[in-house]
């Protein structure tokens, strides 16, 4: 089974959609992202695995696009914030009260 790192996924989404998303602009692209989050919400209520997989993938793709448009390496940002556990208490699992 092939695996894909977050950075590889972000580059793939850039290759497929960046020109179109960039032309739409950050605000318009963010509205599409929010629409996809709404679709994920509906899929969570229905709890059908195939639908959930598709919606999670869509949300991740739109998030990657927004990160690219903002000049953010999503993998590096996530690693920086979470590599030592919870950003507040530094524990994994989180021990915050």
PDB file of N, CA and C in Angstrom:
ATOM      1  N   UNK A   1       0.839  -1.186   0.000  1.00  0.00           N
ATOM      2  CA  UNK A   1       0.000   0.000   0.000  1.00  0.00           C
ATOM      3  C   UNK A   1       0.881   1.246   0.000  1.00  0.00           C
ATOM      4  N   UNK A   2       0.564   2.174  -0.866  1.00  0.00           N
ATOM      5  CA  UNK A   2       1.315   3.421  -0.935  1.00  0.00           C
ATOM      6  C   UNK A   2       0.859   4.360   0.167  1.00  0.00           C
ATOM      7  N   UNK A   3       1.810   5.106   0.713  1.00  0.00           N
ATOM      8  CA  UNK A   3       1.466   6.132   1.693  1.00  0.00           C
ATOM      9  C   UNK A   3       1.837   7.489   1.123  1.00  0.00           C
ATOM     10  N   UNK A   4       1.181   8.524   1.612  1.00  0.00           N
ATOM     11  CA  UNK A   4       1.451   9.863   1.141  1.00  0.00           C
ATOM     12  C   UNK A   4       1.596  10.779   2.355  1.00  0.00           C
ATOM     13  N   UNK A   5       2.662  11.526   2.383  1.00  0.00           N
ATOM     14  CA  UNK A   5       2.874  12.505   3.439  1.00  0.00           C
ATOM     15  C   UNK A   5       1.979  13.723   3.172  1.00  0.00           C
ATOM     16  N   UNK A   6       1.728  14.488   4.209  1.00  0.00           N
ATOM     17  CA  UNK A   6       0.891  15.678   4.073  1.00  0.00           C
ATOM     18  C   UNK A   6       1.483  16.631   3.028  1.00  0.00           C
ATOM     19  N   UNK A   7       2.791  16.815   3.059  1.00  0.00           N
ATOM     20  CA  UNK A   7       3.437  17.719   2.100  1.00  0.00           C
ATOM     21  C   UNK A   7       3.236  17.230   0.661  1.00  0.00           C
ATOM     22  N   UNK A   8       3.317  15.927   0.444  1.00  0.00           N
ATOM     23  CA  UNK A   8       3.088  15.369  -0.893  1.00  0.00           C
ATOM     24  C   UNK A   8       1.647  15.616  -1.334  1.00  0.00           C
ATOM     25  N   UNK A   9       0.708  15.432  -0.407  1.00  0.00           N
ATOM     26  CA  UNK A   9      -0.691  15.678  -0.718  1.00  0.00           C
ATOM     27  C   UNK A   9      -0.917  17.147  -1.064  1.00  0.00           C
ATOM     28  N   UNK A  10      -0.307  18.040  -0.301  1.00  0.00           N
ATOM     29  CA  UNK A  10      -0.465  19.465  -0.569  1.00  0.00           C
ATOM     30  C   UNK A  10       0.077  19.807  -1.954  1.00  0.00           C
ATOM     31  N   UNK A  11       1.197  19.249  -2.322  1.00  0.00           N
ATOM     32  CA  UNK A  11       1.764  19.488  -3.667  1.00  0.00           C
ATOM     33  C   UNK A  11       0.852  18.916  -4.749  1.00  0.00           C
ATOM     34  N   UNK A  12       0.272  17.744  -4.521  1.00  0.00           N
ATOM     35  CA  UNK A  12      -0.651  17.148  -5.480  1.00  0.00           C
ATOM     36  C   UNK A  12      -1.864  18.049  -5.695  1.00  0.00           C
ATOM     37  N   UNK A  13      -2.430  18.556  -4.607  1.00  0.00           N
ATOM     38  CA  UNK A  13      -3.596  19.436  -4.719  1.00  0.00           C
ATOM     39  C   UNK A  13      -3.213  20.731  -5.423  1.00  0.00           C
ATOM     40  N   UNK A  14      -2.011  21.243  -5.164  1.00  0.00           N
ATOM     41  CA  UNK A  14      -1.542  22.430  -5.888  1.00  0.00           C
ATOM     42  C   UNK A  14      -1.492  22.148  -7.389  1.00  0.00           C
ATOM     43  N   UNK A  15      -0.936  20.992  -7.758  1.00  0.00           N
ATOM     44  CA  UNK A  15      -0.813  20.623  -9.175  1.00  0.00           C
ATOM     45  C   UNK A  15      -2.180  20.552  -9.842  1.00  0.00           C
ATOM     46  N   UNK A  16      -3.153  20.009  -9.139  1.00  0.00           N
ATOM     47  CA  UNK A  16      -4.484  19.817  -9.717  1.00  0.00           C
ATOM     48  C   UNK A  16      -5.291  21.109  -9.745  1.00  0.00           C
ATOM     49  N   UNK A  17      -5.266  21.892  -8.647  1.00  0.00           N
ATOM     50  CA  UNK A  17      -6.236  22.979  -8.484  1.00  0.00           C
ATOM     51  C   UNK A  17      -5.678  24.379  -8.272  1.00  0.00           C
ATOM     52  N   UNK A  18      -4.365  24.544  -8.064  1.00  0.00           N
ATOM     53  CA  UNK A  18      -3.859  25.839  -7.614  1.00  0.00           C
ATOM     54  C   UNK A  18      -4.227  26.992  -8.542  1.00  0.00           C
ATOM     55  N   UNK A  19      -4.077  26.816  -9.831  1.00  0.00           N
ATOM     56  CA  UNK A  19      -4.368  27.927 -10.764  1.00  0.00           C
ATOM     57  C   UNK A  19      -5.811  28.394 -10.624  1.00  0.00           C
ATOM     58  N   UNK A  20      -6.740  27.463 -10.602  1.00  0.00           N
ATOM     59  CA  UNK A  20      -8.156  27.799 -10.477  1.00  0.00           C
ATOM     60  C   UNK A  20      -8.439  28.451  -9.119  1.00  0.00           C
ATOM     61  N   UNK A  21      -7.897  27.866  -8.051  1.00  0.00           N
ATOM     62  CA  UNK A  21      -8.139  28.394  -6.716  1.00  0.00           C
ATOM     63  C   UNK A  21      -7.517  29.778  -6.546  1.00  0.00           C
ATOM     64  N   UNK A  22      -6.306  29.952  -7.068  1.00  0.00           N
ATOM     65  CA  UNK A  22      -5.642  31.248  -6.985  1.00  0.00           C
ATOM     66  C   UNK A  22      -6.447  32.321  -7.725  1.00  0.00           C
ATOM     67  N   UNK A  23      -6.974  31.968  -8.881  1.00  0.00           N
ATOM     68  CA  UNK A  23      -7.788  32.922  -9.662  1.00  0.00           C
ATOM     69  C   UNK A  23      -9.059  33.296  -8.895  1.00  0.00           C
ATOM     70  N   UNK A  24      -9.630  32.356  -8.154  1.00  0.00           N
ATOM     71  CA  UNK A  24     -10.841  32.598  -7.366  1.00  0.00           C
ATOM     72  C   UNK A  24     -10.536  33.509  -6.185  1.00  0.00           C
ATOM     73  N   UNK A  25      -9.325  33.393  -5.645  1.00  0.00           N
ATOM     74  CA  UNK A  25      -8.912  34.207  -4.509  1.00  0.00           C
ATOM     75  C   UNK A  25      -9.130  33.493  -3.187  1.00  0.00           C
ATOM     76  N   UNK A  26      -8.473  34.006  -2.168  1.00  0.00           N
ATOM     77  CA  UNK A  26      -8.517  33.392  -0.843  1.00  0.00           C
ATOM     78  C   UNK A  26      -9.927  33.407  -0.257  1.00  0.00           C
ATOM     79  N   UNK A  27     -10.612  34.525  -0.370  1.00  0.00           N
ATOM     80  CA  UNK A  27     -11.954  34.634   0.212  1.00  0.00           C
ATOM     81  C   UNK A  27     -12.929  33.656  -0.440  1.00  0.00           C
ATOM     82  N   UNK A  28     -12.943  33.612  -1.762  1.00  0.00           N
ATOM     83  CA  UNK A  28     -13.836  32.696  -2.472  1.00  0.00           C
ATOM     84  C   UNK A  28     -13.495  31.240  -2.201  1.00  0.00           C
ATOM     85  N   UNK A  29     -12.213  30.943  -2.136  1.00  0.00           N
ATOM     86  CA  UNK A  29     -11.777  29.573  -1.862  1.00  0.00           C
ATOM     87  C   UNK A  29     -12.146  29.182  -0.437  1.00  0.00           C
ATOM     88  N   UNK A  30     -12.039  30.122   0.487  1.00  0.00           N
ATOM     89  CA  UNK A  30     -12.433  29.841   1.864  1.00  0.00           C
ATOM     90  C   UNK A  30     -13.925  29.530   1.945  1.00  0.00           C
ATOM     91  N   UNK A  31     -14.738  30.209   1.159  1.00  0.00           N
ATOM     92  CA  UNK A  31     -16.180  29.913   1.156  1.00  0.00           C
ATOM     93  C   UNK A  31     -16.436  28.492   0.664  1.00  0.00           C
ATOM     94  N   UNK A  32     -15.683  28.026  -0.349  1.00  0.00           N
ATOM     95  CA  UNK A  32     -15.816  26.647  -0.822  1.00  0.00           C
ATOM     96  C   UNK A  32     -15.409  25.673   0.279  1.00  0.00           C
ATOM     97  N   UNK A  33     -14.330  25.999   0.995  1.00  0.00           N
ATOM     98  CA  UNK A  33     -13.884  25.170   2.115  1.00  0.00           C
ATOM     99  C   UNK A  33     -14.995  25.037   3.153  1.00  0.00           C
ATOM    100  N   UNK A  34     -15.615  26.156   3.504  1.00  0.00           N
ATOM    101  CA  UNK A  34     -16.696  26.134   4.503  1.00  0.00           C
ATOM    102  C   UNK A  34     -17.869  25.285   4.019  1.00  0.00           C
ATOM    103  N   UNK A  35     -18.172  25.352   2.730  1.00  0.00           N
ATOM    104  CA  UNK A  35     -19.243  24.520   2.170  1.00  0.00           C
ATOM    105  C   UNK A  35     -18.898  23.041   2.323  1.00  0.00           C
ATOM    106  N   UNK A  36     -17.639  22.690   2.087  1.00  0.00           N
ATOM    107  CA  UNK A  36     -17.209  21.296   2.242  1.00  0.00           C
ATOM    108  C   UNK A  36     -17.295  20.852   3.702  1.00  0.00           C
ATOM    109  N   UNK A  37     -16.986  21.738   4.633  1.00  0.00           N
ATOM    110  CA  UNK A  37     -17.117  21.394   6.056  1.00  0.00           C
ATOM    111  C   UNK A  37     -18.586  21.114   6.370  1.00  0.00           C
ATOM    112  N   UNK A  38     -19.494  21.882   5.775  1.00  0.00           N
ATOM    113  CA  UNK A  38     -20.921  21.617   5.948  1.00  0.00           C
ATOM    114  C   UNK A  38     -21.319  20.258   5.397  1.00  0.00           C
ATOM    115  N   UNK A  39     -20.765  19.895   4.245  1.00  0.00           N
ATOM    116  CA  UNK A  39     -21.049  18.577   3.671  1.00  0.00           C
ATOM    117  C   UNK A  39     -20.508  17.470   4.578  1.00  0.00           C
ATOM    118  N   UNK A  40     -19.357  17.702   5.192  1.00  0.00           N
ATOM    119  CA  UNK A  40     -18.811  16.727   6.141  1.00  0.00           C
ATOM    120  C   UNK A  40     -19.734  16.599   7.350  1.00  0.00           C
ATOM    121  N   UNK A  41     -20.267  17.700   7.805  1.00  0.00           N
ATOM    122  CA  UNK A  41     -21.193  17.679   8.940  1.00  0.00           C
ATOM    123  C   UNK A  41     -22.407  16.813   8.627  1.00  0.00           C
ATOM    124  N   UNK A  42     -22.970  16.990   7.439  1.00  0.00           N
ATOM    125  CA  UNK A  42     -24.120  16.177   7.035  1.00  0.00           C
ATOM    126  C   UNK A  42     -23.734  14.697   6.926  1.00  0.00           C
ATOM    127  N   UNK A  43     -22.559  14.426   6.392  1.00  0.00           N
ATOM    128  CA  UNK A  43     -22.091  13.035   6.270  1.00  0.00           C
ATOM    129  C   UNK A  43     -21.887  12.405   7.644  1.00  0.00           C
ATOM    130  N   UNK A  44     -21.395  13.175   8.598  1.00  0.00           N
ATOM    131  CA  UNK A  44     -21.222  12.648   9.957  1.00  0.00           C
ATOM    132  C   UNK A  44     -22.569  12.259  10.557  1.00  0.00           C
ATOM    133  N   UNK A  45     -23.593  13.034  10.279  1.00  0.00           N
ATOM    134  CA  UNK A  45     -24.930  12.701  10.783  1.00  0.00           C
ATOM    135  C   UNK A  45     -25.455  11.413  10.168  1.00  0.00           C
ATOM    136  N   UNK A  46     -25.158  11.194   8.883  1.00  0.00           N
ATOM    137  CA  UNK A  46     -25.642   9.986   8.192  1.00  0.00           C
ATOM    138  C   UNK A  46     -24.796   8.763   8.522  1.00  0.00           C
ATOM    139  N   UNK A  47     -23.517   8.997   8.874  1.00  0.00           N
ATOM    140  CA  UNK A  47     -22.594   7.944   9.306  1.00  0.00           C
ATOM    141  C   UNK A  47     -22.446   6.812   8.281  1.00  0.00           C
ATOM    142  N   UNK A  48     -22.293   7.185   7.011  1.00  0.00           N
ATOM    143  CA  UNK A  48     -22.025   6.198   5.961  1.00  0.00           C
ATOM    144  C   UNK A  48     -20.556   6.307   5.575  1.00  0.00           C
ATOM    145  N   UNK A  49     -19.811   5.237   5.781  1.00  0.00           N
ATOM    146  CA  UNK A  49     -18.353   5.261   5.644  1.00  0.00           C
ATOM    147  C   UNK A  49     -17.875   5.828   4.300  1.00  0.00           C
ATOM    148  N   UNK A  50     -18.417   5.356   3.194  1.00  0.00           N
ATOM    149  CA  UNK A  50     -17.947   5.817   1.885  1.00  0.00           C
ATOM    150  C   UNK A  50     -18.152   7.324   1.722  1.00  0.00           C
ATOM    151  N   UNK A  51     -19.295   7.800   2.157  1.00  0.00           N
ATOM    152  CA  UNK A  51     -19.579   9.237   2.089  1.00  0.00           C
ATOM    153  C   UNK A  51     -18.622  10.016   3.005  1.00  0.00           C
ATOM    154  N   UNK A  52     -18.396   9.496   4.209  1.00  0.00           N
ATOM    155  CA  UNK A  52     -17.472  10.142   5.141  1.00  0.00           C
ATOM    156  C   UNK A  52     -16.062  10.230   4.559  1.00  0.00           C
ATOM    157  N   UNK A  53     -15.598   9.143   3.968  1.00  0.00           N
ATOM    158  CA  UNK A  53     -14.255   9.143   3.374  1.00  0.00           C
ATOM    159  C   UNK A  53     -14.120  10.248   2.333  1.00  0.00           C
ATOM    160  N   UNK A  54     -15.109  10.356   1.466  1.00  0.00           N
ATOM    161  CA  UNK A  54     -15.079  11.381   0.427  1.00  0.00           C
ATOM    162  C   UNK A  54     -15.092  12.787   0.992  1.00  0.00           C
ATOM    163  N   UNK A  55     -15.925  13.021   1.988  1.00  0.00           N
ATOM    164  CA  UNK A  55     -16.025  14.364   2.568  1.00  0.00           C
ATOM    165  C   UNK A  55     -14.783  14.733   3.373  1.00  0.00           C
ATOM    166  N   UNK A  56     -14.220  13.771   4.119  1.00  0.00           N
ATOM    167  CA  UNK A  56     -12.966  14.062   4.816  1.00  0.00           C
ATOM    168  C   UNK A  56     -11.872  14.405   3.810  1.00  0.00           C
ATOM    169  N   UNK A  57     -11.804  13.663   2.708  1.00  0.00           N
ATOM    170  CA  UNK A  57     -10.803  13.941   1.677  1.00  0.00           C
ATOM    171  C   UNK A  57     -11.011  15.318   1.068  1.00  0.00           C
ATOM    172  N   UNK A  58     -12.265  15.683   0.815  1.00  0.00           N
ATOM    173  CA  UNK A  58     -12.551  17.007   0.246  1.00  0.00           C
ATOM    174  C   UNK A  58     -12.135  18.120   1.194  1.00  0.00           C
ATOM    175  N   UNK A  59     -12.464  17.982   2.477  1.00  0.00           N
ATOM    176  CA  UNK A  59     -12.092  19.010   3.454  1.00  0.00           C
ATOM    177  C   UNK A  59     -10.574  19.137   3.525  1.00  0.00           C
ATOM    178  N   UNK A  60      -9.866  18.006   3.526  1.00  0.00           N
ATOM    179  CA  UNK A  60      -8.410  18.043   3.563  1.00  0.00           C
ATOM    180  C   UNK A  60      -7.845  18.728   2.316  1.00  0.00           C
ATOM    181  N   UNK A  61      -8.427  18.446   1.157  1.00  0.00           N
ATOM    182  CA  UNK A  61      -7.956  19.061  -0.084  1.00  0.00           C
ATOM    183  C   UNK A  61      -8.155  20.577  -0.061  1.00  0.00           C
ATOM    184  N   UNK A  62      -9.328  21.022   0.375  1.00  0.00           N
ATOM    185  CA  UNK A  62      -9.587  22.469   0.441  1.00  0.00           C
ATOM    186  C   UNK A  62      -8.700  23.128   1.482  1.00  0.00           C
ATOM    187  N   UNK A  63      -8.440  22.459   2.605  1.00  0.00           N
ATOM    188  CA  UNK A  63      -7.540  22.996   3.617  1.00  0.00           C
ATOM    189  C   UNK A  63      -6.128  23.134   3.052  1.00  0.00           C
ATOM    190  N   UNK A  64      -5.690  22.129   2.312  1.00  0.00           N
ATOM    191  CA  UNK A  64      -4.363  22.175   1.688  1.00  0.00           C
ATOM    192  C   UNK A  64      -4.270  23.330   0.703  1.00  0.00           C
ATOM    193  N   UNK A  65      -5.330  23.553  -0.069  1.00  0.00           N
ATOM    194  CA  UNK A  65      -5.355  24.669  -1.015  1.00  0.00           C
ATOM    195  C   UNK A  65      -5.236  26.002  -0.298  1.00  0.00           C
ATOM    196  N   UNK A  66      -6.006  26.170   0.785  1.00  0.00           N
ATOM    197  CA  UNK A  66      -5.941  27.423   1.545  1.00  0.00           C
ATOM    198  C   UNK A  66      -4.544  27.636   2.120  1.00  0.00           C
ATOM    199  N   UNK A  67      -3.925  26.572   2.618  1.00  0.00           N
ATOM    200  CA  UNK A  67      -2.564  26.681   3.141  1.00  0.00           C
ATOM    201  C   UNK A  67      -1.600  27.096   2.036  1.00  0.00           C
ATOM    202  N   UNK A  68      -1.697  26.465   0.876  1.00  0.00           N
ATOM    203  CA  UNK A  68      -0.816  26.807  -0.249  1.00  0.00           C
ATOM    204  C   UNK A  68      -0.992  28.259  -0.663  1.00  0.00           C
ATOM    205  N   UNK A  69      -2.238  28.688  -0.753  1.00  0.00           N
ATOM    206  CA  UNK A  69      -2.513  30.071  -1.157  1.00  0.00           C
ATOM    207  C   UNK A  69      -1.982  31.068  -0.134  1.00  0.00           C
ATOM    208  N   UNK A  70      -1.842  30.625   1.112  1.00  0.00           N
ATOM    209  CA  UNK A  70      -1.350  31.493   2.187  1.00  0.00           C
ATOM    210  C   UNK A  70       0.153  31.350   2.403  1.00  0.00           C
ATOM    211  N   UNK A  71       0.805  30.509   1.594  1.00  0.00           N
ATOM    212  CA  UNK A  71       2.242  30.312   1.717  1.00  0.00           C
ATOM    213  C   UNK A  71       2.637  29.471   2.921  1.00  0.00           C
ATOM    214  N   UNK A  72       1.737  28.582   3.357  1.00  0.00           N
ATOM    215  CA  UNK A  72       1.978  27.751   4.535  1.00  0.00           C
ATOM    216  C   UNK A  72       2.213  26.306   4.117  1.00  0.00           C
ATOM    217  N   UNK A  73       3.297  25.727   4.619  1.00  0.00           N
ATOM    218  CA  UNK A  73       3.564  24.299   4.461  1.00  0.00           C
ATOM    219  C   UNK A  73       2.766  23.617   5.572  1.00  0.00           C
ATOM    220  N   UNK A  74       1.682  22.974   5.200  1.00  0.00           N
ATOM    221  CA  UNK A  74       0.752  22.402   6.170  1.00  0.00           C
ATOM    222  C   UNK A  74       1.421  21.351   7.058  1.00  0.00           C
ATOM    223  N   UNK A  75       2.243  20.511   6.477  1.00  0.00           N
ATOM    224  CA  UNK A  75       2.921  19.476   7.259  1.00  0.00           C
ATOM    225  C   UNK A  75       3.868  20.091   8.279  1.00  0.00           C
ATOM    226  N   UNK A  76       4.657  21.072   7.863  1.00  0.00           N
ATOM    227  CA  UNK A  76       5.597  21.725   8.773  1.00  0.00           C
ATOM    228  C   UNK A  76       4.850  22.468   9.879  1.00  0.00           C
ATOM    229  N   UNK A  77       3.750  23.122   9.542  1.00  0.00           N
ATOM    230  CA  UNK A  77       2.971  23.853  10.539  1.00  0.00           C
ATOM    231  C   UNK A  77       2.383  22.903  11.576  1.00  0.00           C
ATOM    232  N   UNK A  78       1.847  21.778  11.109  1.00  0.00           N
ATOM    233  CA  UNK A  78       1.256  20.802  12.027  1.00  0.00           C
ATOM    234  C   UNK A  78       2.331  20.188  12.920  1.00  0.00           C
ATOM    235  N   UNK A  79       3.467  19.869  12.326  1.00  0.00           N
ATOM    236  CA  UNK A  79       4.565  19.290  13.114  1.00  0.00           C
ATOM    237  C   UNK A  79       5.032  20.284  14.174  1.00  0.00           C
ATOM    238  N   UNK A  80       5.230  21.532  13.782  1.00  0.00           N
ATOM    239  CA  UNK A  80       5.712  22.558  14.709  1.00  0.00           C
ATOM    240  C   UNK A  80       4.761  22.710  15.902  1.00  0.00           C
ATOM    241  N   UNK A  81       3.465  22.684  15.625  1.00  0.00           N
ATOM    242  CA  UNK A  81       2.499  22.919  16.692  1.00  0.00           C
ATOM    243  C   UNK A  81       2.255  21.692  17.566  1.00  0.00           C
ATOM    244  N   UNK A  82       2.268  20.479  16.978  1.00  0.00           N
ATOM    245  CA  UNK A  82       1.809  19.291  17.702  1.00  0.00           C
ATOM    246  C   UNK A  82       2.849  18.204  17.944  1.00  0.00           C
ATOM    247  N   UNK A  83       4.089  18.373  17.494  1.00  0.00           N
ATOM    248  CA  UNK A  83       5.049  17.277  17.614  1.00  0.00           C
ATOM    249  C   UNK A  83       5.385  16.908  19.053  1.00  0.00           C
ATOM    250  N   UNK A  84       5.156  17.804  19.995  1.00  0.00           N
ATOM    251  CA  UNK A  84       5.456  17.506  21.402  1.00  0.00           C
ATOM    252  C   UNK A  84       4.190  17.255  22.201  1.00  0.00           C
ATOM    253  N   UNK A  85       3.098  16.948  21.521  1.00  0.00           N
ATOM    254  CA  UNK A  85       1.829  16.698  22.193  1.00  0.00           C
ATOM    255  C   UNK A  85       0.958  17.939  22.189  1.00  0.00           C
ATOM    256  N   UNK A  86       0.104  18.031  23.168  1.00  0.00           N
ATOM    257  CA  UNK A  86      -0.801  19.173  23.301  1.00  0.00           C
ATOM    258  C   UNK A  86       0.023  20.464  23.358  1.00  0.00           C
ATOM    259  N   UNK A  87      -0.322  21.460  22.564  1.00  0.00           N
ATOM    260  CA  UNK A  87       0.450  22.704  22.587  1.00  0.00           C
ATOM    261  C   UNK A  87       0.474  23.395  23.962  1.00  0.00           C
ATOM    262  N   UNK A  88      -0.557  23.179  24.767  1.00  0.00           N
ATOM    263  CA  UNK A  88      -0.617  23.825  26.087  1.00  0.00           C
ATOM    264  C   UNK A  88       0.143  23.052  27.152  1.00  0.00           C
ATOM    265  N   UNK A  89      -0.190  21.774  27.315  1.00  0.00           N
ATOM    266  CA  UNK A  89       0.395  21.004  28.429  1.00  0.00           C
ATOM    267  C   UNK A  89       1.561  20.116  27.989  1.00  0.00           C
ATOM    268  N   UNK A  90       1.777  19.998  26.692  1.00  0.00           N
ATOM    269  CA  UNK A  90       2.860  19.183  26.105  1.00  0.00           C
ATOM    270  C   UNK A  90       2.691  17.689  26.336  1.00  0.00           C
ATOM    271  N   UNK A  91       1.508  17.245  26.770  1.00  0.00           N
ATOM    272  CA  UNK A  91       1.291  15.826  27.020  1.00  0.00           C
ATOM    273  C   UNK A  91       0.513  15.188  25.866  1.00  0.00           C
ATOM    274  N   UNK A  92       0.699  13.865  25.742  1.00  0.00           N
ATOM    275  CA  UNK A  92      -0.085  13.078  24.800  1.00  0.00           C
ATOM    276  C   UNK A  92      -0.423  11.763  25.480  1.00  0.00           C
ATOM    277  N   UNK A  93      -1.678  11.521  25.817  1.00  0.00           N
ATOM    278  CA  UNK A  93      -2.828  12.378  25.524  1.00  0.00           C
ATOM    279  C   UNK A  93      -2.824  13.650  26.362  1.00  0.00           C
ATOM    280  N   UNK A  94      -3.573  14.623  25.896  1.00  0.00           N
ATOM    281  CA  UNK A  94      -3.681  15.913  26.560  1.00  0.00           C
ATOM    282  C   UNK A  94      -4.106  15.727  28.020  1.00  0.00           C
ATOM    283  N   UNK A  95      -3.426  16.464  28.905  1.00  0.00           N
ATOM    284  CA  UNK A  95      -3.745  16.407  30.335  1.00  0.00           C
ATOM    285  C   UNK A  95      -4.346  17.724  30.836  1.00  0.00           C
ATOM    286  N   UNK A  96      -4.705  18.595  29.908  1.00  0.00           N
ATOM    287  CA  UNK A  96      -5.309  19.875  30.316  1.00  0.00           C
ATOM    288  C   UNK A  96      -6.633  19.623  31.031  1.00  0.00           C
ATOM    289  N   UNK A  97      -6.900  20.456  31.999  1.00  0.00           N
ATOM    290  CA  UNK A  97      -8.175  20.322  32.731  1.00  0.00           C
ATOM    291  C   UNK A  97      -9.137  21.406  32.296  1.00  0.00           C
TER     292      UNK A  97
END
